[in-house]
Amino acid sequence: MILLEDNFQVQVINEAIEEGKPKKTYLQGIMSEADSKNRNGRTYDKKELNESVKQINDASKMNRHILGELDHPSSLEVKLENVSHRLVEAQMDGNTVKFKAEVLENHPKGAILKSLIDSDVQVGVSTRGSGTVNESTGKVKDFRFVTLDAVATPSCTSAYPETLQEQLMFSKQGEIVTDLAEAQIHDSLAQKYFQIEMRKFIEQLGKR
């Protein structure tokens, strides 16, 4: 069994669940494709992807949503400190798996993701799961879906050689942004400074 991942660009939407309620931010789009070789040279079985769809929807119905992280770790473990969104629904559309995920703006990494989106930073998603791959055909067997992570997807693949997490870690603003992301949830004054530091961080991304 190995760690498997596939990247897709997404659409961002803002909508209110109930009239008069504040709008929430959602990511939606394609998260996987079945029965055809993808850009990584792998082919996923439609029945197994159907199980992933059921897994997402069943968890959502029980209010035990599958949580996704900001950026793509190299393990199958989901760490709560890095959670930025939750999967609310999925469906098969032909051979394509489509999804919808709510950005958790009241969580530090969700606040960072929302700020990136509001600043027109291109965001995508990457599936995370495990399975076995036939090296000669690229066919995946025994695929086990874990989650869907939010990732940077610049138009030029070499534009951002590091992950967002790494850039936050090594950026001058990185530690400030992370601390303010947590503080701004409960402190209106911190919200102002969080936005300022996020703008500085995003400007740094644009210079790479």
N, C-alpha and C. Protein backbone atom coordinates (compact mmCIF):
# COMPACT_ATOMS: atom_id res chain seq x y z
N MET A 1 0.85 -1.19 0.00
CA MET A 1 0.00 0.00 0.00
C MET A 1 0.89 1.24 0.00
N ILE A 2 0.57 2.21 -0.86
CA ILE A 2 1.33 3.45 -0.91
C ILE A 2 0.39 4.64 -0.81
N LEU A 3 0.97 5.80 -0.47
CA LEU A 3 0.20 7.04 -0.42
C LEU A 3 -0.08 7.50 -1.84
N LEU A 4 -1.36 7.79 -2.14
CA LEU A 4 -1.76 8.22 -3.47
C LEU A 4 -2.35 9.62 -3.41
N GLU A 5 -2.11 10.41 -4.46
CA GLU A 5 -2.67 11.75 -4.51
C GLU A 5 -2.90 12.16 -5.96
N ASP A 6 -3.92 13.02 -6.16
CA ASP A 6 -4.21 13.57 -7.48
C ASP A 6 -4.72 14.99 -7.30
N ASN A 7 -4.27 15.90 -8.16
CA ASN A 7 -4.58 17.32 -8.01
C ASN A 7 -5.60 17.81 -9.04
N PHE A 8 -6.49 18.72 -8.60
CA PHE A 8 -7.47 19.32 -9.48
C PHE A 8 -7.70 20.77 -9.07
N GLN A 9 -8.00 21.61 -10.04
CA GLN A 9 -8.39 22.98 -9.74
C GLN A 9 -9.85 22.98 -9.29
N VAL A 10 -10.24 24.05 -8.57
CA VAL A 10 -11.59 24.09 -8.01
C VAL A 10 -12.27 25.43 -8.29
N GLN A 11 -13.55 25.44 -8.03
CA GLN A 11 -14.35 26.65 -8.10
C GLN A 11 -14.70 27.07 -6.68
N VAL A 12 -14.70 28.37 -6.43
CA VAL A 12 -15.07 28.89 -5.11
C VAL A 12 -16.44 29.53 -5.20
N ILE A 13 -17.32 29.18 -4.25
CA ILE A 13 -18.65 29.78 -4.22
C ILE A 13 -18.94 30.29 -2.81
N ASN A 14 -19.80 31.30 -2.73
CA ASN A 14 -20.24 31.83 -1.45
C ASN A 14 -21.76 31.76 -1.41
N GLU A 15 -22.29 31.13 -0.39
CA GLU A 15 -23.74 31.02 -0.29
C GLU A 15 -24.16 30.88 1.17
N ALA A 16 -25.39 31.28 1.45
CA ALA A 16 -25.96 31.18 2.79
C ALA A 16 -26.84 29.94 2.85
N ILE A 17 -26.71 29.17 3.92
CA ILE A 17 -27.54 27.98 4.10
C ILE A 17 -28.98 28.37 4.35
N GLU A 18 -29.18 29.43 5.14
CA GLU A 18 -30.52 29.92 5.44
C GLU A 18 -30.59 31.41 5.13
N GLU A 19 -31.78 31.87 4.76
CA GLU A 19 -31.97 33.29 4.45
C GLU A 19 -31.66 34.14 5.69
N GLY A 20 -30.90 35.19 5.48
CA GLY A 20 -30.55 36.08 6.58
C GLY A 20 -29.30 35.67 7.32
N LYS A 21 -28.78 34.47 7.03
CA LYS A 21 -27.57 33.99 7.70
C LYS A 21 -26.34 34.45 6.92
N PRO A 22 -25.18 34.61 7.61
CA PRO A 22 -23.96 34.99 6.90
C PRO A 22 -23.59 33.96 5.84
N LYS A 23 -23.03 34.43 4.73
CA LYS A 23 -22.62 33.51 3.67
C LYS A 23 -21.39 32.72 4.09
N LYS A 24 -21.35 31.47 3.65
CA LYS A 24 -20.19 30.63 3.88
C LYS A 24 -19.45 30.42 2.57
N THR A 25 -18.17 30.13 2.67
CA THR A 25 -17.34 29.91 1.49
C THR A 25 -17.15 28.41 1.27
N TYR A 26 -17.36 27.98 0.02
CA TYR A 26 -17.23 26.57 -0.32
C TYR A 26 -16.27 26.38 -1.49
N LEU A 27 -15.59 25.26 -1.49
CA LEU A 27 -14.83 24.80 -2.64
C LEU A 27 -15.64 23.70 -3.31
N GLN A 28 -15.70 23.70 -4.62
CA GLN A 28 -16.40 22.62 -5.31
C GLN A 28 -15.75 22.36 -6.66
N GLY A 29 -15.96 21.15 -7.14
CA GLY A 29 -15.38 20.79 -8.44
C GLY A 29 -15.10 19.30 -8.51
N ILE A 30 -14.14 18.92 -9.33
CA ILE A 30 -13.76 17.52 -9.54
C ILE A 30 -12.67 17.15 -8.55
N MET A 31 -12.79 15.96 -7.95
CA MET A 31 -11.75 15.49 -7.04
C MET A 31 -11.10 14.19 -7.51
N SER A 32 -11.75 13.50 -8.47
CA SER A 32 -11.17 12.24 -8.97
C SER A 32 -11.89 11.81 -10.24
N GLU A 33 -11.22 10.96 -11.03
CA GLU A 33 -11.80 10.43 -12.26
C GLU A 33 -11.55 8.93 -12.34
N ALA A 34 -12.54 8.21 -12.85
CA ALA A 34 -12.47 6.74 -12.89
C ALA A 34 -12.30 6.22 -14.31
N ASP A 35 -11.71 5.02 -14.39
CA ASP A 35 -11.64 4.24 -15.63
C ASP A 35 -10.91 4.94 -16.78
N SER A 36 -10.06 5.89 -16.45
CA SER A 36 -9.22 6.52 -17.48
C SER A 36 -7.92 6.95 -16.82
N LYS A 37 -6.83 6.87 -17.57
CA LYS A 37 -5.52 7.20 -17.00
C LYS A 37 -5.42 8.69 -16.74
N ASN A 38 -5.07 9.05 -15.48
CA ASN A 38 -4.98 10.46 -15.14
C ASN A 38 -3.58 11.00 -15.40
N ARG A 39 -3.34 12.25 -15.00
CA ARG A 39 -2.05 12.90 -15.29
C ARG A 39 -0.88 12.24 -14.57
N ASN A 40 -1.18 11.47 -13.52
CA ASN A 40 -0.13 10.74 -12.81
C ASN A 40 0.07 9.33 -13.38
N GLY A 41 -0.65 9.03 -14.47
CA GLY A 41 -0.51 7.72 -15.09
C GLY A 41 -1.24 6.62 -14.36
N ARG A 42 -2.22 6.98 -13.51
CA ARG A 42 -2.96 5.98 -12.74
C ARG A 42 -4.41 5.90 -13.19
N THR A 43 -4.99 4.71 -13.04
CA THR A 43 -6.39 4.49 -13.39
C THR A 43 -7.12 3.94 -12.17
N TYR A 44 -8.18 4.64 -11.76
CA TYR A 44 -8.94 4.24 -10.58
C TYR A 44 -10.21 3.50 -10.99
N ASP A 45 -10.58 2.52 -10.21
CA ASP A 45 -11.79 1.73 -10.45
C ASP A 45 -13.02 2.53 -10.00
N LYS A 46 -14.05 2.55 -10.86
CA LYS A 46 -15.23 3.34 -10.56
C LYS A 46 -15.94 2.84 -9.30
N LYS A 47 -15.97 1.52 -9.09
CA LYS A 47 -16.63 0.98 -7.90
C LYS A 47 -15.94 1.46 -6.64
N GLU A 48 -14.62 1.53 -6.67
CA GLU A 48 -13.89 1.98 -5.49
C GLU A 48 -14.10 3.47 -5.24
N LEU A 49 -14.19 4.26 -6.32
CA LEU A 49 -14.46 5.69 -6.15
C LEU A 49 -15.89 5.90 -5.65
N ASN A 50 -16.81 5.03 -6.07
CA ASN A 50 -18.17 5.09 -5.53
C ASN A 50 -18.18 4.92 -4.02
N GLU A 51 -17.29 4.07 -3.53
CA GLU A 51 -17.17 3.87 -2.08
C GLU A 51 -16.69 5.14 -1.39
N SER A 52 -15.80 5.87 -2.06
CA SER A 52 -15.32 7.14 -1.52
C SER A 52 -16.45 8.15 -1.42
N VAL A 53 -17.30 8.20 -2.45
CA VAL A 53 -18.46 9.09 -2.45
C VAL A 53 -19.39 8.74 -1.29
N LYS A 54 -19.67 7.47 -1.12
CA LYS A 54 -20.53 7.01 -0.04
C LYS A 54 -19.92 7.36 1.32
N GLN A 55 -18.62 7.19 1.44
CA GLN A 55 -17.91 7.49 2.69
C GLN A 55 -18.08 8.96 3.06
N ILE A 56 -17.92 9.85 2.08
CA ILE A 56 -18.06 11.29 2.32
C ILE A 56 -19.48 11.64 2.73
N ASN A 57 -20.46 11.12 1.97
CA ASN A 57 -21.86 11.47 2.24
C ASN A 57 -22.37 10.87 3.54
N ASP A 58 -21.97 9.65 3.84
CA ASP A 58 -22.40 9.02 5.10
C ASP A 58 -21.84 9.79 6.30
N ALA A 59 -20.58 10.21 6.21
CA ALA A 59 -19.97 10.97 7.31
C ALA A 59 -20.67 12.30 7.49
N SER A 60 -21.03 12.94 6.38
CA SER A 60 -21.71 14.23 6.45
C SER A 60 -23.10 14.11 7.07
N LYS A 61 -23.83 13.06 6.70
CA LYS A 61 -25.17 12.85 7.25
C LYS A 61 -25.14 12.66 8.76
N MET A 62 -24.07 12.05 9.26
CA MET A 62 -23.94 11.81 10.70
C MET A 62 -23.27 12.98 11.41
N ASN A 63 -23.03 14.08 10.66
CA ASN A 63 -22.35 15.26 11.20
C ASN A 63 -20.96 14.92 11.72
N ARG A 64 -20.32 13.97 11.06
CA ARG A 64 -18.94 13.60 11.37
C ARG A 64 -18.10 13.78 10.10
N HIS A 65 -18.19 14.99 9.58
CA HIS A 65 -17.60 15.30 8.28
C HIS A 65 -16.12 14.91 8.20
N ILE A 66 -15.72 14.47 7.02
CA ILE A 66 -14.31 14.22 6.75
C ILE A 66 -13.61 15.57 6.65
N LEU A 67 -12.52 15.73 7.40
CA LEU A 67 -11.80 16.99 7.48
C LEU A 67 -10.60 16.98 6.55
N GLY A 68 -10.35 18.12 5.90
CA GLY A 68 -9.19 18.26 5.02
C GLY A 68 -8.23 19.31 5.54
N GLU A 69 -6.98 19.21 5.15
CA GLU A 69 -5.95 20.11 5.64
C GLU A 69 -5.56 21.18 4.61
N LEU A 70 -4.95 22.24 5.12
CA LEU A 70 -4.33 23.24 4.26
C LEU A 70 -2.96 22.70 3.89
N ASP A 71 -2.82 22.31 2.64
CA ASP A 71 -1.63 21.67 2.09
C ASP A 71 -1.70 20.16 2.24
N HIS A 72 -0.74 19.51 1.63
CA HIS A 72 -0.82 18.07 1.43
C HIS A 72 0.32 17.38 2.18
N PRO A 73 0.07 16.80 3.35
CA PRO A 73 1.14 16.13 4.10
C PRO A 73 1.55 14.82 3.43
N SER A 74 2.66 14.28 3.89
CA SER A 74 3.17 13.03 3.31
C SER A 74 2.79 11.82 4.14
N SER A 75 1.67 11.91 4.87
CA SER A 75 1.18 10.78 5.66
C SER A 75 -0.33 10.71 5.51
N LEU A 76 -0.91 9.62 6.00
CA LEU A 76 -2.36 9.44 5.92
C LEU A 76 -3.09 10.05 7.11
N GLU A 77 -2.34 10.50 8.10
CA GLU A 77 -2.95 11.05 9.31
C GLU A 77 -3.45 12.47 9.07
N VAL A 78 -4.67 12.77 9.53
CA VAL A 78 -5.21 14.12 9.48
C VAL A 78 -4.97 14.79 10.83
N LYS A 79 -4.25 15.90 10.82
CA LYS A 79 -3.95 16.61 12.06
C LYS A 79 -4.92 17.77 12.23
N LEU A 80 -5.58 17.82 13.37
CA LEU A 80 -6.60 18.84 13.63
C LEU A 80 -6.04 20.25 13.54
N GLU A 81 -4.77 20.44 13.92
CA GLU A 81 -4.19 21.77 13.90
C GLU A 81 -4.05 22.31 12.48
N ASN A 82 -4.06 21.44 11.48
CA ASN A 82 -3.90 21.87 10.09
C ASN A 82 -5.20 21.86 9.30
N VAL A 83 -6.31 21.55 9.94
CA VAL A 83 -7.60 21.45 9.24
C VAL A 83 -8.07 22.82 8.75
N SER A 84 -8.52 22.88 7.50
CA SER A 84 -9.00 24.15 6.93
C SER A 84 -10.40 24.07 6.35
N HIS A 85 -10.92 22.86 6.16
CA HIS A 85 -12.23 22.70 5.53
C HIS A 85 -12.80 21.33 5.86
N ARG A 86 -14.08 21.15 5.57
CA ARG A 86 -14.72 19.85 5.76
C ARG A 86 -15.55 19.51 4.54
N LEU A 87 -15.58 18.25 4.19
CA LEU A 87 -16.34 17.78 3.03
C LEU A 87 -17.81 17.65 3.39
N VAL A 88 -18.68 18.28 2.62
CA VAL A 88 -20.11 18.25 2.93
C VAL A 88 -20.89 17.33 1.99
N GLU A 89 -20.39 17.10 0.79
CA GLU A 89 -21.09 16.17 -0.10
C GLU A 89 -20.20 15.78 -1.28
N ALA A 90 -20.57 14.67 -1.92
CA ALA A 90 -19.87 14.20 -3.12
C ALA A 90 -20.87 13.43 -3.98
N GLN A 91 -20.57 13.32 -5.26
CA GLN A 91 -21.44 12.56 -6.16
C GLN A 91 -20.66 12.09 -7.38
N MET A 92 -21.12 10.98 -7.95
CA MET A 92 -20.56 10.50 -9.21
C MET A 92 -21.31 11.17 -10.36
N ASP A 93 -20.57 11.73 -11.30
CA ASP A 93 -21.15 12.32 -12.50
C ASP A 93 -20.48 11.63 -13.68
N GLY A 94 -21.10 10.54 -14.13
CA GLY A 94 -20.43 9.70 -15.12
C GLY A 94 -19.25 9.01 -14.46
N ASN A 95 -18.05 9.24 -14.98
CA ASN A 95 -16.84 8.67 -14.39
C ASN A 95 -16.10 9.67 -13.51
N THR A 96 -16.73 10.79 -13.24
CA THR A 96 -16.09 11.86 -12.48
C THR A 96 -16.70 11.97 -11.09
N VAL A 97 -15.83 12.14 -10.08
CA VAL A 97 -16.30 12.38 -8.72
C VAL A 97 -16.26 13.88 -8.47
N LYS A 98 -17.43 14.44 -8.13
CA LYS A 98 -17.51 15.87 -7.81
C LYS A 98 -17.76 16.04 -6.31
N PHE A 99 -17.30 17.15 -5.77
CA PHE A 99 -17.38 17.36 -4.33
C PHE A 99 -17.77 18.80 -4.00
N LYS A 100 -18.14 18.99 -2.73
CA LYS A 100 -18.35 20.32 -2.18
C LYS A 100 -17.78 20.32 -0.77
N ALA A 101 -16.98 21.34 -0.44
CA ALA A 101 -16.35 21.41 0.88
C ALA A 101 -16.52 22.81 1.46
N GLU A 102 -16.82 22.87 2.75
CA GLU A 102 -16.98 24.15 3.44
C GLU A 102 -15.65 24.61 4.04
N VAL A 103 -15.26 25.84 3.75
CA VAL A 103 -14.06 26.42 4.36
C VAL A 103 -14.38 26.78 5.81
N LEU A 104 -13.58 26.29 6.74
CA LEU A 104 -13.82 26.53 8.17
C LEU A 104 -13.11 27.81 8.59
N GLU A 105 -13.80 28.92 8.39
CA GLU A 105 -13.20 30.24 8.60
C GLU A 105 -12.88 30.52 10.06
N ASN A 106 -13.50 29.79 10.99
CA ASN A 106 -13.25 30.01 12.41
C ASN A 106 -12.17 29.10 12.97
N HIS A 107 -11.41 28.49 12.07
CA HIS A 107 -10.23 27.70 12.46
C HIS A 107 -9.03 28.41 11.84
N PRO A 108 -7.89 28.48 12.55
CA PRO A 108 -6.75 29.24 12.02
C PRO A 108 -6.37 28.93 10.58
N LYS A 109 -6.25 27.65 10.22
CA LYS A 109 -5.85 27.31 8.85
C LYS A 109 -6.99 27.57 7.86
N GLY A 110 -8.23 27.49 8.34
CA GLY A 110 -9.36 27.86 7.50
C GLY A 110 -9.38 29.35 7.22
N ALA A 111 -9.00 30.15 8.22
CA ALA A 111 -8.92 31.60 8.05
C ALA A 111 -7.85 31.95 7.03
N ILE A 112 -6.74 31.24 7.06
CA ILE A 112 -5.67 31.48 6.09
C ILE A 112 -6.14 31.10 4.68
N LEU A 113 -6.82 29.96 4.56
CA LEU A 113 -7.35 29.53 3.26
C LEU A 113 -8.35 30.56 2.73
N LYS A 114 -9.25 31.05 3.58
CA LYS A 114 -10.24 32.04 3.15
C LYS A 114 -9.55 33.32 2.71
N SER A 115 -8.53 33.74 3.43
CA SER A 115 -7.82 34.97 3.07
C SER A 115 -7.10 34.82 1.73
N LEU A 116 -6.52 33.65 1.49
CA LEU A 116 -5.88 33.39 0.19
C LEU A 116 -6.91 33.47 -0.94
N ILE A 117 -8.08 32.86 -0.71
CA ILE A 117 -9.14 32.88 -1.72
C ILE A 117 -9.59 34.31 -1.99
N ASP A 118 -9.80 35.08 -0.92
CA ASP A 118 -10.26 36.48 -1.06
C ASP A 118 -9.24 37.34 -1.78
N SER A 119 -7.97 36.91 -1.74
CA SER A 119 -6.89 37.66 -2.40
C SER A 119 -6.61 37.12 -3.80
N ASP A 120 -7.53 36.28 -4.31
CA ASP A 120 -7.44 35.75 -5.67
C ASP A 120 -6.24 34.85 -5.90
N VAL A 121 -5.77 34.21 -4.83
CA VAL A 121 -4.73 33.20 -4.99
C VAL A 121 -5.38 31.93 -5.51
N GLN A 122 -4.80 31.35 -6.55
CA GLN A 122 -5.39 30.15 -7.16
C GLN A 122 -5.26 28.97 -6.20
N VAL A 123 -6.38 28.34 -5.91
CA VAL A 123 -6.41 27.21 -4.96
C VAL A 123 -6.94 25.97 -5.67
N GLY A 124 -6.40 24.84 -5.32
CA GLY A 124 -6.88 23.58 -5.85
C GLY A 124 -7.05 22.56 -4.75
N VAL A 125 -7.33 21.33 -5.11
CA VAL A 125 -7.48 20.26 -4.13
C VAL A 125 -6.66 19.06 -4.56
N SER A 126 -6.29 18.26 -3.57
CA SER A 126 -5.53 17.04 -3.84
C SER A 126 -6.10 15.92 -2.98
N THR A 127 -6.52 14.83 -3.61
CA THR A 127 -7.02 13.69 -2.86
C THR A 127 -5.87 13.03 -2.11
N ARG A 128 -6.20 12.43 -0.98
CA ARG A 128 -5.20 11.69 -0.20
C ARG A 128 -5.79 10.34 0.15
N GLY A 129 -5.08 9.29 -0.18
CA GLY A 129 -5.56 7.94 0.11
C GLY A 129 -4.44 6.94 -0.04
N SER A 130 -4.79 5.67 0.05
CA SER A 130 -3.78 4.62 -0.10
C SER A 130 -4.30 3.54 -1.04
N GLY A 131 -3.38 2.75 -1.57
CA GLY A 131 -3.76 1.67 -2.46
C GLY A 131 -2.51 1.03 -3.05
N THR A 132 -2.74 0.07 -3.93
CA THR A 132 -1.64 -0.58 -4.63
C THR A 132 -1.74 -0.24 -6.11
N VAL A 133 -0.58 -0.05 -6.73
CA VAL A 133 -0.55 0.35 -8.13
C VAL A 133 0.19 -0.69 -8.95
N ASN A 134 -0.43 -1.16 -10.04
CA ASN A 134 0.24 -2.04 -10.99
C ASN A 134 1.19 -1.18 -11.81
N GLU A 135 2.48 -1.39 -11.65
CA GLU A 135 3.48 -0.53 -12.27
C GLU A 135 3.44 -0.58 -13.80
N SER A 136 2.98 -1.67 -14.37
CA SER A 136 2.97 -1.79 -15.83
C SER A 136 1.73 -1.16 -16.45
N THR A 137 0.58 -1.22 -15.74
CA THR A 137 -0.66 -0.68 -16.30
C THR A 137 -1.10 0.63 -15.64
N GLY A 138 -0.61 0.89 -14.43
CA GLY A 138 -1.03 2.09 -13.70
C GLY A 138 -2.36 1.92 -12.99
N LYS A 139 -2.96 0.72 -13.04
CA LYS A 139 -4.25 0.52 -12.40
C LYS A 139 -4.09 0.45 -10.87
N VAL A 140 -5.01 1.15 -10.18
CA VAL A 140 -5.00 1.20 -8.72
C VAL A 140 -6.00 0.19 -8.17
N LYS A 141 -5.56 -0.59 -7.18
CA LYS A 141 -6.44 -1.55 -6.52
C LYS A 141 -6.49 -1.23 -5.03
N ASP A 142 -7.61 -1.62 -4.42
CA ASP A 142 -7.80 -1.47 -2.98
C ASP A 142 -7.60 -0.03 -2.54
N PHE A 143 -8.14 0.90 -3.32
CA PHE A 143 -8.00 2.31 -2.97
C PHE A 143 -8.82 2.63 -1.73
N ARG A 144 -8.19 3.30 -0.79
CA ARG A 144 -8.87 3.75 0.44
C ARG A 144 -8.75 5.26 0.54
N PHE A 145 -9.87 5.94 0.38
CA PHE A 145 -9.88 7.40 0.45
C PHE A 145 -9.73 7.86 1.89
N VAL A 146 -8.86 8.85 2.11
CA VAL A 146 -8.68 9.42 3.45
C VAL A 146 -9.29 10.81 3.53
N THR A 147 -8.88 11.71 2.64
CA THR A 147 -9.43 13.06 2.67
C THR A 147 -9.08 13.80 1.40
N LEU A 148 -9.47 15.06 1.36
CA LEU A 148 -9.20 15.95 0.23
C LEU A 148 -8.58 17.22 0.82
N ASP A 149 -7.37 17.55 0.39
CA ASP A 149 -6.64 18.69 0.95
C ASP A 149 -6.68 19.89 0.01
N ALA A 150 -6.54 21.08 0.59
CA ALA A 150 -6.45 22.31 -0.20
C ALA A 150 -4.98 22.58 -0.50
N VAL A 151 -4.68 22.84 -1.77
CA VAL A 151 -3.29 23.04 -2.19
C VAL A 151 -3.19 24.25 -3.12
N ALA A 152 -1.97 24.75 -3.28
CA ALA A 152 -1.72 25.82 -4.24
C ALA A 152 -1.61 25.23 -5.63
N THR A 153 -2.29 25.84 -6.59
CA THR A 153 -2.21 25.34 -7.98
C THR A 153 -1.93 26.50 -8.93
N PRO A 154 -0.70 27.02 -8.94
CA PRO A 154 -0.36 28.10 -9.88
C PRO A 154 -0.42 27.61 -11.31
N SER A 155 -0.64 28.55 -12.24
CA SER A 155 -0.74 28.16 -13.65
C SER A 155 0.58 27.58 -14.15
N CYS A 156 1.68 28.06 -13.62
CA CYS A 156 3.00 27.48 -13.94
C CYS A 156 3.40 26.55 -12.82
N THR A 157 3.59 25.28 -13.12
CA THR A 157 3.81 24.29 -12.07
C THR A 157 5.10 24.53 -11.31
N SER A 158 6.05 25.25 -11.89
CA SER A 158 7.31 25.51 -11.18
C SER A 158 7.29 26.81 -10.40
N ALA A 159 6.15 27.52 -10.40
CA ALA A 159 6.11 28.83 -9.77
C ALA A 159 6.27 28.77 -8.27
N TYR A 160 5.67 27.76 -7.63
CA TYR A 160 5.75 27.62 -6.18
C TYR A 160 6.41 26.28 -5.86
N PRO A 161 7.73 26.24 -5.78
CA PRO A 161 8.42 24.97 -5.56
C PRO A 161 8.21 24.40 -4.18
N GLU A 162 7.73 25.20 -3.22
CA GLU A 162 7.50 24.73 -1.87
C GLU A 162 6.00 24.71 -1.59
N THR A 163 5.59 23.97 -0.59
CA THR A 163 4.19 23.98 -0.19
C THR A 163 3.89 25.25 0.58
N LEU A 164 2.61 25.57 0.73
CA LEU A 164 2.21 26.75 1.51
C LEU A 164 2.67 26.62 2.95
N GLN A 165 2.58 25.41 3.51
CA GLN A 165 3.02 25.20 4.88
C GLN A 165 4.50 25.55 5.03
N GLU A 166 5.32 25.11 4.08
CA GLU A 166 6.74 25.38 4.14
C GLU A 166 7.01 26.87 3.98
N GLN A 167 6.26 27.51 3.10
CA GLN A 167 6.45 28.94 2.88
C GLN A 167 6.03 29.74 4.11
N LEU A 168 4.96 29.31 4.76
CA LEU A 168 4.57 29.96 6.01
C LEU A 168 5.65 29.79 7.08
N MET A 169 6.22 28.59 7.12
CA MET A 169 7.22 28.28 8.14
C MET A 169 8.48 29.14 7.99
N PHE A 170 8.91 29.36 6.74
CA PHE A 170 10.18 30.04 6.51
C PHE A 170 10.02 31.53 6.17
N SER A 171 8.79 31.96 5.95
CA SER A 171 8.56 33.36 5.65
C SER A 171 8.68 34.22 6.91
N LYS A 172 9.09 35.48 6.74
CA LYS A 172 9.13 36.41 7.87
C LYS A 172 7.75 36.56 8.48
N GLN A 173 6.73 36.56 7.61
CA GLN A 173 5.36 36.73 8.09
C GLN A 173 4.72 35.43 8.57
N GLY A 174 5.38 34.30 8.30
CA GLY A 174 4.75 33.01 8.55
C GLY A 174 4.27 32.80 9.96
N GLU A 175 5.16 33.01 10.93
CA GLU A 175 4.78 32.80 12.32
C GLU A 175 3.75 33.83 12.77
N ILE A 176 3.91 35.07 12.28
CA ILE A 176 2.96 36.13 12.62
C ILE A 176 1.57 35.79 12.08
N VAL A 177 1.52 35.36 10.81
CA VAL A 177 0.26 35.02 10.17
C VAL A 177 -0.45 33.90 10.93
N THR A 178 0.30 32.85 11.27
CA THR A 178 -0.29 31.71 11.97
C THR A 178 -0.83 32.11 13.33
N ASP A 179 -0.06 32.89 14.09
CA ASP A 179 -0.50 33.34 15.41
C ASP A 179 -1.74 34.24 15.31
N LEU A 180 -1.71 35.17 14.34
CA LEU A 180 -2.85 36.08 14.18
C LEU A 180 -4.08 35.36 13.66
N ALA A 181 -3.88 34.31 12.85
CA ALA A 181 -5.01 33.52 12.35
C ALA A 181 -5.79 32.92 13.50
N GLU A 182 -5.08 32.49 14.52
CA GLU A 182 -5.74 31.93 15.71
C GLU A 182 -6.36 33.03 16.56
N ALA A 183 -5.63 34.13 16.73
CA ALA A 183 -6.12 35.21 17.61
C ALA A 183 -7.33 35.93 17.01
N GLN A 184 -7.37 36.08 15.67
CA GLN A 184 -8.42 36.89 15.06
C GLN A 184 -9.80 36.26 15.15
N ILE A 185 -9.85 34.98 15.47
CA ILE A 185 -11.14 34.32 15.61
C ILE A 185 -11.95 34.93 16.75
N HIS A 186 -11.25 35.37 17.80
CA HIS A 186 -11.93 35.91 18.97
C HIS A 186 -11.61 37.39 19.23
N ASP A 187 -10.73 37.98 18.44
CA ASP A 187 -10.27 39.34 18.71
C ASP A 187 -10.41 40.18 17.44
N SER A 188 -11.32 41.16 17.46
CA SER A 188 -11.58 41.98 16.27
C SER A 188 -10.35 42.81 15.91
N LEU A 189 -9.56 43.23 16.90
CA LEU A 189 -8.35 43.99 16.60
C LEU A 189 -7.33 43.13 15.86
N ALA A 190 -7.22 41.87 16.26
CA ALA A 190 -6.29 40.96 15.60
C ALA A 190 -6.69 40.70 14.15
N GLN A 191 -8.00 40.78 13.86
CA GLN A 191 -8.46 40.56 12.50
C GLN A 191 -7.82 41.55 11.53
N LYS A 192 -7.72 42.81 11.97
CA LYS A 192 -7.12 43.86 11.13
C LYS A 192 -5.67 43.53 10.82
N TYR A 193 -4.90 43.16 11.83
CA TYR A 193 -3.49 42.87 11.63
C TYR A 193 -3.28 41.56 10.86
N PHE A 194 -4.20 40.62 11.05
CA PHE A 194 -4.13 39.36 10.29
C PHE A 194 -4.23 39.65 8.80
N GLN A 195 -5.17 40.51 8.42
CA GLN A 195 -5.34 40.85 7.00
C GLN A 195 -4.11 41.55 6.44
N ILE A 196 -3.49 42.41 7.25
CA ILE A 196 -2.29 43.12 6.80
C ILE A 196 -1.15 42.14 6.55
N GLU A 197 -0.92 41.23 7.52
CA GLU A 197 0.18 40.28 7.40
C GLU A 197 -0.07 39.27 6.28
N MET A 198 -1.34 38.89 6.07
CA MET A 198 -1.66 37.98 4.97
C MET A 198 -1.35 38.64 3.63
N ARG A 199 -1.64 39.93 3.52
CA ARG A 199 -1.33 40.63 2.27
C ARG A 199 0.17 40.62 1.99
N LYS A 200 0.96 40.81 3.06
CA LYS A 200 2.42 40.78 2.91
C LYS A 200 2.87 39.39 2.46
N PHE A 201 2.29 38.36 3.07
CA PHE A 201 2.66 36.99 2.72
C PHE A 201 2.30 36.67 1.28
N ILE A 202 1.12 37.10 0.86
CA ILE A 202 0.67 36.84 -0.52
C ILE A 202 1.54 37.59 -1.52
N GLU A 203 1.98 38.80 -1.16
CA GLU A 203 2.89 39.55 -2.02
C GLU A 203 4.20 38.79 -2.21
N GLN A 204 4.65 38.15 -1.14
CA GLN A 204 5.87 37.33 -1.23
C GLN A 204 5.67 36.16 -2.20
N LEU A 205 4.48 35.53 -2.14
CA LEU A 205 4.20 34.42 -3.06
C LEU A 205 4.30 34.89 -4.50
N GLY A 206 3.78 36.08 -4.77
CA GLY A 206 3.78 36.60 -6.12
C GLY A 206 5.15 36.90 -6.67
N LYS A 207 6.14 37.09 -5.79
CA LYS A 207 7.49 37.40 -6.21
C LYS A 207 8.32 36.17 -6.52
N ARG A 208 7.80 34.95 -6.17
CA ARG A 208 8.57 33.72 -6.37
C ARG A 208 8.52 33.27 -7.83
